[in-house]
N, C-alpha and C. Protein backbone atom coordinates (compact mmCIF):
# COMPACT_ATOMS: atom_id res chain seq x y z
N MET A 1 -10.86 4.22 -8.15
CA MET A 1 -9.41 4.19 -8.10
C MET A 1 -8.87 3.32 -9.22
N ALA A 2 -7.87 3.80 -9.89
CA ALA A 2 -7.23 3.05 -10.95
C ALA A 2 -6.03 2.28 -10.39
N GLN A 3 -5.52 1.38 -11.20
CA GLN A 3 -4.34 0.63 -10.78
C GLN A 3 -3.12 1.53 -10.79
N LEU A 4 -2.23 1.29 -9.85
CA LEU A 4 -0.99 2.05 -9.76
C LEU A 4 -0.04 1.64 -10.87
N THR A 5 0.86 2.54 -11.20
CA THR A 5 1.93 2.23 -12.15
C THR A 5 3.27 2.39 -11.44
N ASP A 6 4.31 1.77 -11.99
CA ASP A 6 5.63 1.90 -11.40
C ASP A 6 6.11 3.35 -11.47
N ALA A 7 5.74 4.06 -12.53
CA ALA A 7 6.13 5.46 -12.65
C ALA A 7 5.52 6.30 -11.53
N GLN A 8 4.27 6.01 -11.16
CA GLN A 8 3.63 6.73 -10.05
C GLN A 8 4.36 6.44 -8.74
N CYS A 9 4.75 5.19 -8.54
CA CYS A 9 5.45 4.81 -7.31
C CYS A 9 6.81 5.52 -7.22
N LYS A 10 7.54 5.53 -8.32
CA LYS A 10 8.85 6.19 -8.34
C LYS A 10 8.73 7.69 -8.15
N GLY A 11 7.69 8.30 -8.71
CA GLY A 11 7.54 9.74 -8.67
C GLY A 11 6.80 10.29 -7.46
N LEU A 12 6.40 9.43 -6.54
CA LEU A 12 5.64 9.86 -5.37
C LEU A 12 6.47 10.80 -4.52
N THR A 13 5.93 11.98 -4.24
CA THR A 13 6.67 12.98 -3.47
C THR A 13 6.44 12.80 -1.97
N SER A 14 7.35 13.32 -1.20
CA SER A 14 7.34 13.17 0.24
C SER A 14 6.05 13.70 0.86
N GLY A 15 5.49 12.92 1.77
CA GLY A 15 4.28 13.29 2.47
C GLY A 15 3.00 12.88 1.76
N LYS A 16 3.12 12.34 0.55
CA LYS A 16 1.95 11.96 -0.24
C LYS A 16 1.73 10.44 -0.19
N GLN A 17 0.52 10.03 -0.55
CA GLN A 17 0.22 8.61 -0.66
C GLN A 17 -0.67 8.35 -1.86
N ILE A 18 -0.55 7.16 -2.42
CA ILE A 18 -1.37 6.74 -3.54
C ILE A 18 -1.89 5.34 -3.23
N SER A 19 -3.02 4.98 -3.83
CA SER A 19 -3.58 3.66 -3.51
C SER A 19 -4.35 3.09 -4.69
N GLU A 20 -4.60 1.79 -4.61
CA GLU A 20 -5.44 1.08 -5.57
C GLU A 20 -6.24 0.04 -4.82
N PRO A 21 -7.44 -0.29 -5.29
CA PRO A 21 -8.24 -1.30 -4.62
C PRO A 21 -7.63 -2.69 -4.78
N SER A 22 -7.79 -3.51 -3.76
CA SER A 22 -7.33 -4.90 -3.82
C SER A 22 -8.47 -5.78 -4.34
N ASP A 23 -8.12 -6.93 -4.88
CA ASP A 23 -9.10 -7.84 -5.49
C ASP A 23 -10.23 -8.26 -4.56
N HIS A 24 -9.93 -8.54 -3.32
CA HIS A 24 -10.91 -9.10 -2.39
C HIS A 24 -11.33 -8.11 -1.31
N GLY A 25 -11.24 -6.83 -1.61
CA GLY A 25 -11.58 -5.81 -0.64
C GLY A 25 -10.33 -5.19 -0.05
N GLY A 26 -10.47 -3.99 0.45
CA GLY A 26 -9.32 -3.28 1.00
C GLY A 26 -8.56 -2.55 -0.09
N SER A 27 -7.45 -1.92 0.30
CA SER A 27 -6.65 -1.15 -0.65
C SER A 27 -5.17 -1.35 -0.38
N LEU A 28 -4.40 -1.32 -1.45
CA LEU A 28 -2.94 -1.29 -1.37
C LEU A 28 -2.54 0.17 -1.41
N VAL A 29 -1.77 0.60 -0.42
CA VAL A 29 -1.40 2.01 -0.30
C VAL A 29 0.12 2.14 -0.26
N LEU A 30 0.66 3.08 -1.02
CA LEU A 30 2.07 3.44 -0.93
C LEU A 30 2.15 4.84 -0.36
N TRP A 31 2.84 4.97 0.76
CA TRP A 31 2.95 6.26 1.45
C TRP A 31 4.41 6.64 1.50
N HIS A 32 4.72 7.83 1.01
CA HIS A 32 6.09 8.36 1.07
C HIS A 32 6.23 9.15 2.37
N ARG A 33 6.76 8.47 3.36
CA ARG A 33 6.88 9.07 4.70
C ARG A 33 8.18 9.84 4.82
N LYS A 34 8.07 11.03 5.35
CA LYS A 34 9.25 11.87 5.54
C LYS A 34 9.69 11.78 7.00
N GLY A 35 10.94 11.35 7.20
CA GLY A 35 11.50 11.28 8.54
C GLY A 35 12.37 12.49 8.81
N SER A 36 12.98 12.52 9.98
CA SER A 36 13.80 13.67 10.33
C SER A 36 15.10 13.72 9.52
N LYS A 37 15.63 12.55 9.13
CA LYS A 37 16.89 12.53 8.37
C LYS A 37 16.72 11.99 6.95
N SER A 38 15.68 11.20 6.75
CA SER A 38 15.47 10.62 5.42
C SER A 38 13.99 10.34 5.21
N SER A 39 13.65 9.91 4.01
CA SER A 39 12.27 9.56 3.74
C SER A 39 12.22 8.13 3.21
N THR A 40 11.07 7.49 3.39
CA THR A 40 10.89 6.10 3.01
C THR A 40 9.53 5.93 2.37
N ARG A 41 9.46 5.10 1.35
CA ARG A 41 8.18 4.74 0.76
C ARG A 41 7.77 3.40 1.36
N VAL A 42 6.59 3.36 1.95
CA VAL A 42 6.13 2.17 2.68
C VAL A 42 4.81 1.67 2.10
N TRP A 43 4.73 0.35 1.87
CA TRP A 43 3.48 -0.28 1.43
C TRP A 43 2.62 -0.62 2.63
N TYR A 44 1.34 -0.33 2.53
CA TYR A 44 0.36 -0.68 3.56
C TYR A 44 -0.81 -1.39 2.90
N PHE A 45 -1.46 -2.25 3.67
CA PHE A 45 -2.74 -2.79 3.26
C PHE A 45 -3.78 -2.17 4.18
N ARG A 46 -4.74 -1.47 3.60
CA ARG A 46 -5.77 -0.79 4.38
C ARG A 46 -7.11 -1.49 4.15
N SER A 47 -7.79 -1.78 5.26
CA SER A 47 -9.11 -2.41 5.15
C SER A 47 -10.07 -1.77 6.13
N GLN A 48 -11.34 -2.05 5.93
CA GLN A 48 -12.37 -1.51 6.81
C GLN A 48 -13.35 -2.63 7.14
N LYS A 49 -13.62 -2.77 8.43
CA LYS A 49 -14.57 -3.78 8.88
C LYS A 49 -15.36 -3.20 10.05
N ASP A 50 -16.67 -3.32 9.94
CA ASP A 50 -17.56 -2.82 10.99
C ASP A 50 -17.30 -1.35 11.31
N GLY A 51 -16.99 -0.56 10.28
CA GLY A 51 -16.79 0.87 10.46
C GLY A 51 -15.42 1.25 10.99
N THR A 52 -14.56 0.28 11.22
CA THR A 52 -13.22 0.56 11.74
C THR A 52 -12.19 0.33 10.65
N SER A 53 -11.38 1.34 10.39
CA SER A 53 -10.34 1.26 9.37
C SER A 53 -9.03 0.83 10.01
N THR A 54 -8.35 -0.12 9.38
CA THR A 54 -7.04 -0.56 9.86
C THR A 54 -6.03 -0.52 8.72
N SER A 55 -4.79 -0.22 9.05
CA SER A 55 -3.70 -0.21 8.09
C SER A 55 -2.59 -1.11 8.62
N GLU A 56 -2.13 -2.00 7.76
CA GLU A 56 -1.07 -2.93 8.15
C GLU A 56 0.13 -2.69 7.24
N ARG A 57 1.27 -2.39 7.85
CA ARG A 57 2.50 -2.19 7.08
C ARG A 57 2.94 -3.54 6.54
N ILE A 58 3.19 -3.59 5.22
CA ILE A 58 3.56 -4.88 4.64
C ILE A 58 4.97 -4.91 4.05
N ALA A 59 5.54 -3.77 3.65
CA ALA A 59 6.87 -3.77 3.06
C ALA A 59 7.31 -2.35 2.75
N THR A 60 8.54 -2.22 2.22
CA THR A 60 9.03 -0.92 1.76
C THR A 60 9.28 -0.98 0.25
N TYR A 61 9.22 0.19 -0.36
CA TYR A 61 9.49 0.33 -1.79
C TYR A 61 10.81 1.08 -1.92
N PRO A 62 11.70 0.70 -2.79
CA PRO A 62 11.61 -0.21 -3.91
C PRO A 62 12.07 -1.64 -3.63
N SER A 63 12.44 -1.95 -2.38
CA SER A 63 12.88 -3.33 -2.11
C SER A 63 11.77 -4.34 -2.37
N THR A 64 10.52 -3.92 -2.21
CA THR A 64 9.36 -4.73 -2.60
C THR A 64 8.69 -4.01 -3.76
N THR A 65 8.67 -4.67 -4.90
CA THR A 65 8.12 -4.05 -6.12
C THR A 65 6.61 -3.92 -6.03
N LEU A 66 6.05 -3.18 -6.95
CA LEU A 66 4.61 -3.02 -7.05
C LEU A 66 3.93 -4.38 -7.27
N VAL A 67 4.49 -5.19 -8.14
CA VAL A 67 3.93 -6.52 -8.42
C VAL A 67 3.92 -7.38 -7.15
N ASP A 68 5.02 -7.38 -6.41
CA ASP A 68 5.09 -8.17 -5.18
C ASP A 68 4.17 -7.62 -4.10
N ALA A 69 4.06 -6.30 -4.00
CA ALA A 69 3.16 -5.69 -3.02
C ALA A 69 1.71 -6.06 -3.32
N ARG A 70 1.35 -6.11 -4.61
CA ARG A 70 0.00 -6.54 -4.98
C ARG A 70 -0.26 -7.97 -4.53
N LYS A 71 0.72 -8.84 -4.70
CA LYS A 71 0.58 -10.24 -4.27
C LYS A 71 0.37 -10.32 -2.76
N LEU A 72 1.16 -9.56 -2.01
CA LEU A 72 1.02 -9.54 -0.56
C LEU A 72 -0.36 -9.02 -0.15
N ALA A 73 -0.80 -7.93 -0.78
CA ALA A 73 -2.11 -7.35 -0.47
C ALA A 73 -3.22 -8.34 -0.78
N ARG A 74 -3.10 -9.05 -1.90
CA ARG A 74 -4.10 -10.05 -2.28
C ARG A 74 -4.19 -11.16 -1.24
N THR A 75 -3.04 -11.62 -0.78
CA THR A 75 -2.99 -12.67 0.25
C THR A 75 -3.62 -12.20 1.55
N ILE A 76 -3.26 -11.00 1.99
CA ILE A 76 -3.81 -10.45 3.24
C ILE A 76 -5.32 -10.25 3.09
N SER A 77 -5.74 -9.75 1.95
CA SER A 77 -7.16 -9.51 1.70
C SER A 77 -7.96 -10.81 1.79
N LYS A 78 -7.44 -11.88 1.20
CA LYS A 78 -8.11 -13.18 1.27
C LYS A 78 -8.22 -13.67 2.71
N LEU A 79 -7.15 -13.50 3.46
CA LEU A 79 -7.13 -13.97 4.86
C LEU A 79 -8.09 -13.18 5.73
N THR A 80 -8.23 -11.89 5.47
CA THR A 80 -9.11 -11.07 6.32
C THR A 80 -10.58 -11.23 5.99
N THR A 81 -10.89 -11.74 4.79
CA THR A 81 -12.29 -11.93 4.43
C THR A 81 -12.79 -13.32 4.75
N GLU A 82 -11.92 -14.23 5.13
CA GLU A 82 -12.34 -15.61 5.46
C GLU A 82 -12.89 -15.70 6.87
């Protein structure tokens, strides 16, 4: 997986998701969720431990930028590996 770009985040179409690996394990995921009246781009931190995958919602895009979402994912990743 390559690093995400702001252009990829802006151009993400409804129902799709993109991701990049986090520094300390896990992945930062942006998912363009389609609702009944509107759609939202949501940042998640996804990790796997003991064969179980978990996703934690961390913010929305564009109110939380790609740079800030990476910082949040890095912090969560460090906390989950300690």
